[in-house]
C-alpha atoms as a PDB file:
ATOM      1  CA  MET A   1      68.425 -32.667 108.337  1.00  0.00           C
ATOM      2  CA  THR A   2      67.119 -34.924 105.604  1.00  0.00           C
ATOM      3  CA  PRO A   3      63.425 -34.846 104.858  1.00  0.00           C
ATOM      4  CA  GLN A   4      61.424 -37.754 106.194  1.00  0.00           C
ATOM      5  CA  PRO A   5      58.983 -39.724 104.102  1.00  0.00           C
ATOM      6  CA  ARG A   6      55.433 -38.542 104.615  1.00  0.00           C
ATOM      7  CA  GLY A   7      53.622 -40.193 107.538  1.00  0.00           C
ATOM      8  CA  ILE A   8      56.683 -41.595 109.321  1.00  0.00           C
ATOM      9  CA  ILE A   9      57.708 -40.241 112.716  1.00  0.00           C
ATOM     10  CA  PRO A  10      61.355 -40.909 113.502  1.00  0.00           C
ATOM     11  CA  PRO A  11      61.692 -43.333 116.456  1.00  0.00           C
ATOM     12  CA  GLY A  12      63.432 -40.805 118.721  1.00  0.00           C
ATOM     13  CA  ASP A  13      60.756 -38.202 118.070  1.00  0.00           C
ATOM     14  CA  LEU A  14      57.989 -40.755 118.620  1.00  0.00           C
ATOM     15  CA  ASP A  15      59.474 -41.738 121.991  1.00  0.00           C
ATOM     16  CA  ARG A  16      59.720 -38.092 123.049  1.00  0.00           C
ATOM     17  CA  LEU A  17      56.167 -37.453 121.861  1.00  0.00           C
ATOM     18  CA  LEU A  18      54.758 -40.398 123.828  1.00  0.00           C
ATOM     19  CA  ARG A  19      56.692 -39.428 126.999  1.00  0.00           C
ATOM     20  CA  ALA A  20      55.368 -35.864 126.713  1.00  0.00           C
ATOM     21  CA  GLN A  21      51.835 -37.187 126.256  1.00  0.00           C
ATOM     22  CA  ALA A  22      52.168 -39.285 129.418  1.00  0.00           C
ATOM     23  CA  LEU A  23      53.436 -36.244 131.328  1.00  0.00           C
ATOM     24  CA  VAL A  24      50.477 -34.154 130.131  1.00  0.00           C
ATOM     25  CA  LYS A  25      48.046 -36.841 131.332  1.00  0.00           C
ATOM     26  CA  GLU A  26      49.798 -37.022 134.693  1.00  0.00           C
ATOM     27  CA  ALA A  27      49.814 -33.233 135.059  1.00  0.00           C
ATOM     28  CA  GLN A  28      46.101 -33.105 134.198  1.00  0.00           C
ATOM     29  CA  ALA A  29      45.322 -35.706 136.875  1.00  0.00           C
ATOM     30  CA  VAL A  30      47.353 -33.760 139.451  1.00  0.00           C
ATOM     31  CA  PHE A  31      45.589 -30.534 138.472  1.00  0.00           C
ATOM     32  CA  GLU A  32      42.141 -32.121 138.795  1.00  0.00           C
ATOM     33  CA  LEU A  33      43.026 -33.439 142.249  1.00  0.00           C
ATOM     34  CA  ALA A  34      44.327 -30.021 143.277  1.00  0.00           C
ATOM     35  CA  VAL A  35      41.038 -28.414 142.207  1.00  0.00           C
ATOM     36  CA  THR A  36      39.109 -31.029 144.197  1.00  0.00           C
ATOM     37  CA  GLN A  37      41.269 -30.488 147.273  1.00  0.00           C
ATOM     38  CA  ALA A  38      40.797 -26.725 147.039  1.00  0.00           C
ATOM     39  CA  LEU A  39      37.023 -27.222 146.962  1.00  0.00           C
ATOM     40  CA  GLU A  40      37.125 -29.739 149.827  1.00  0.00           C
ATOM     41  CA  ALA A  41      39.242 -27.331 151.887  1.00  0.00           C
ATOM     42  CA  GLY A  42      36.417 -24.820 151.709  1.00  0.00           C
ATOM     43  CA  GLY A  43      37.342 -22.829 148.644  1.00  0.00           C
ATOM     44  CA  SER A  44      34.295 -21.590 146.809  1.00  0.00           C
ATOM     45  CA  VAL A  45      33.721 -22.268 143.138  1.00  0.00           C
ATOM     46  CA  ARG A  46      34.085 -18.522 142.553  1.00  0.00           C
ATOM     47  CA  GLU A  47      37.453 -18.373 144.347  1.00  0.00           C
ATOM     48  CA  VAL A  48      38.819 -21.331 142.394  1.00  0.00           C
ATOM     49  CA  HIS A  49      37.538 -19.753 139.164  1.00  0.00           C
ATOM     50  CA  GLU A  50      39.271 -16.467 139.932  1.00  0.00           C
ATOM     51  CA  SER A  51      42.515 -18.311 140.712  1.00  0.00           C
ATOM     52  CA  THR A  52      42.516 -20.695 137.757  1.00  0.00           C
ATOM     53  CA  GLY A  53      40.098 -19.361 135.155  1.00  0.00           C
ATOM     54  CA  LEU A  54      38.241 -22.682 135.105  1.00  0.00           C
ATOM     55  CA  SER A  55      34.514 -22.620 134.515  1.00  0.00           C
ATOM     56  CA  ALA A  56      32.169 -23.722 137.279  1.00  0.00           C
ATOM     57  CA  THR A  57      31.061 -26.673 135.164  1.00  0.00           C
ATOM     58  CA  THR A  58      34.635 -27.895 134.696  1.00  0.00           C
ATOM     59  CA  MET A  59      35.399 -27.531 138.410  1.00  0.00           C
ATOM     60  CA  GLN A  60      32.300 -29.465 139.347  1.00  0.00           C
ATOM     61  CA  LYS A  61      33.194 -32.160 136.810  1.00  0.00           C
ATOM     62  CA  TYR A  62      36.683 -32.495 138.311  1.00  0.00           C
ATOM     63  CA  GLY A  63      35.359 -32.387 141.864  1.00  0.00           C
ATOM     64  CA  HIS A  64      32.593 -34.927 141.342  1.00  0.00           C
ATOM     65  CA  ALA A  65      35.006 -37.298 139.593  1.00  0.00           C
ATOM     66  CA  ASN A  66      37.212 -37.190 142.701  1.00  0.00           C
ATOM     67  CA  GLY A  67      34.581 -37.527 145.433  1.00  0.00           C
ATOM     68  CA  TRP A  68      33.591 -33.917 146.095  1.00  0.00           C
ATOM     69  CA  PRO A  69      31.544 -33.065 148.023  1.00  0.00           C
ATOM     70  CA  SER A  70      32.416 -35.564 150.712  1.00  0.00           C
ATOM     71  CA  PRO A  71      29.654 -37.813 152.067  1.00  0.00           C
ATOM     72  CA  ALA A  72      29.516 -35.732 155.264  1.00  0.00           C
ATOM     73  CA  ARG A  73      29.211 -32.497 153.292  1.00  0.00           C
ATOM     74  CA  ARG A  74      26.602 -34.072 151.004  1.00  0.00           C
ATOM     75  CA  ALA A  75      24.543 -35.098 154.057  1.00  0.00           C
ATOM     76  CA  HIS A  76      24.770 -31.535 155.383  1.00  0.00           C
ATOM     77  CA  LEU A  77      23.666 -30.103 152.016  1.00  0.00           C
ATOM     78  CA  ASP A  78      20.772 -32.574 151.841  1.00  0.00           C
ATOM     79  CA  ALA A  79      19.683 -31.609 155.366  1.00  0.00           C
ATOM     80  CA  ASP A  80      19.743 -27.939 154.343  1.00  0.00           C
ATOM     81  CA  LYS A  81      17.578 -28.713 151.302  1.00  0.00           C
ATOM     82  CA  ILE A  82      15.051 -30.535 153.484  1.00  0.00           C
ATOM     83  CA  ALA A  83      14.952 -27.673 156.006  1.00  0.00           C
ATOM     84  CA  THR A  84      14.478 -25.140 153.207  1.00  0.00           C
ATOM     85  CA  ALA A  85      11.676 -27.202 151.655  1.00  0.00           C
ATOM     86  CA  GLU A  86       9.928 -27.509 155.033  1.00  0.00           C
ATOM     87  CA  PHE A  87      10.225 -23.768 155.632  1.00  0.00           C
ATOM     88  CA  SER A  88       8.859 -23.016 152.151  1.00  0.00           C
ATOM     89  CA  ALA A  89       5.909 -25.324 152.778  1.00  0.00           C
ATOM     90  CA  ARG A  90       5.142 -23.523 156.030  1.00  0.00           C
ATOM     91  CA  LEU A  91       5.317 -20.145 154.298  1.00  0.00           C
ATOM     92  CA  ASP A  92       2.963 -21.370 151.574  1.00  0.00           C
ATOM     93  CA  ALA A  93       0.516 -22.546 154.248  1.00  0.00           C
ATOM     94  CA  VAL A  94       0.617 -19.163 155.978  1.00  0.00           C
ATOM     95  CA  GLU A  95       0.053 -17.365 152.655  1.00  0.00           C
ATOM     96  CA  ARG A  96      -2.973 -19.573 151.936  1.00  0.00           C
ATOM     97  CA  ILE A  97      -4.393 -18.829 155.403  1.00  0.00           C
ATOM     98  CA  LEU A  98      -3.844 -15.092 154.949  1.00  0.00           C
ATOM     99  CA  ARG A  99      -5.498 -15.149 151.527  1.00  0.00           C
ATOM    100  CA  SER A 100      -8.485 -17.060 152.906  1.00  0.00           C
ATOM    101  CA  LEU A 101      -8.850 -14.561 155.781  1.00  0.00           C
ATOM    102  CA  GLY A 102      -8.701 -11.688 153.345  1.00  0.00           C
ATOM    103  CA  GLU A 103     -11.413 -13.224 151.212  1.00  0.00           C
ATOM    104  CA  ALA A 104     -13.754 -14.034 154.135  1.00  0.00           C
END
């Protein structure tokens, strides 16, 4: 094989390189969708991590980019946050009452 001048990629190699790059992008998109679907199907972040080695941050990035959690799941999570906040407020009120009784 004759040496190529510096900086020039032979046309056949360039075509193969660009096709491979397109395949990598497509595979990445499929992988990100698969991660999202695993999370939507009920897989925990920990389970997906143990199966793929992905970090929690990367999984969440992929999931959020593809609509995870679903609007219904998001509403459920928001309702849980509200219920937890209400319960915490009630506990704080009880603690204040108990402290005031102890001080009386």
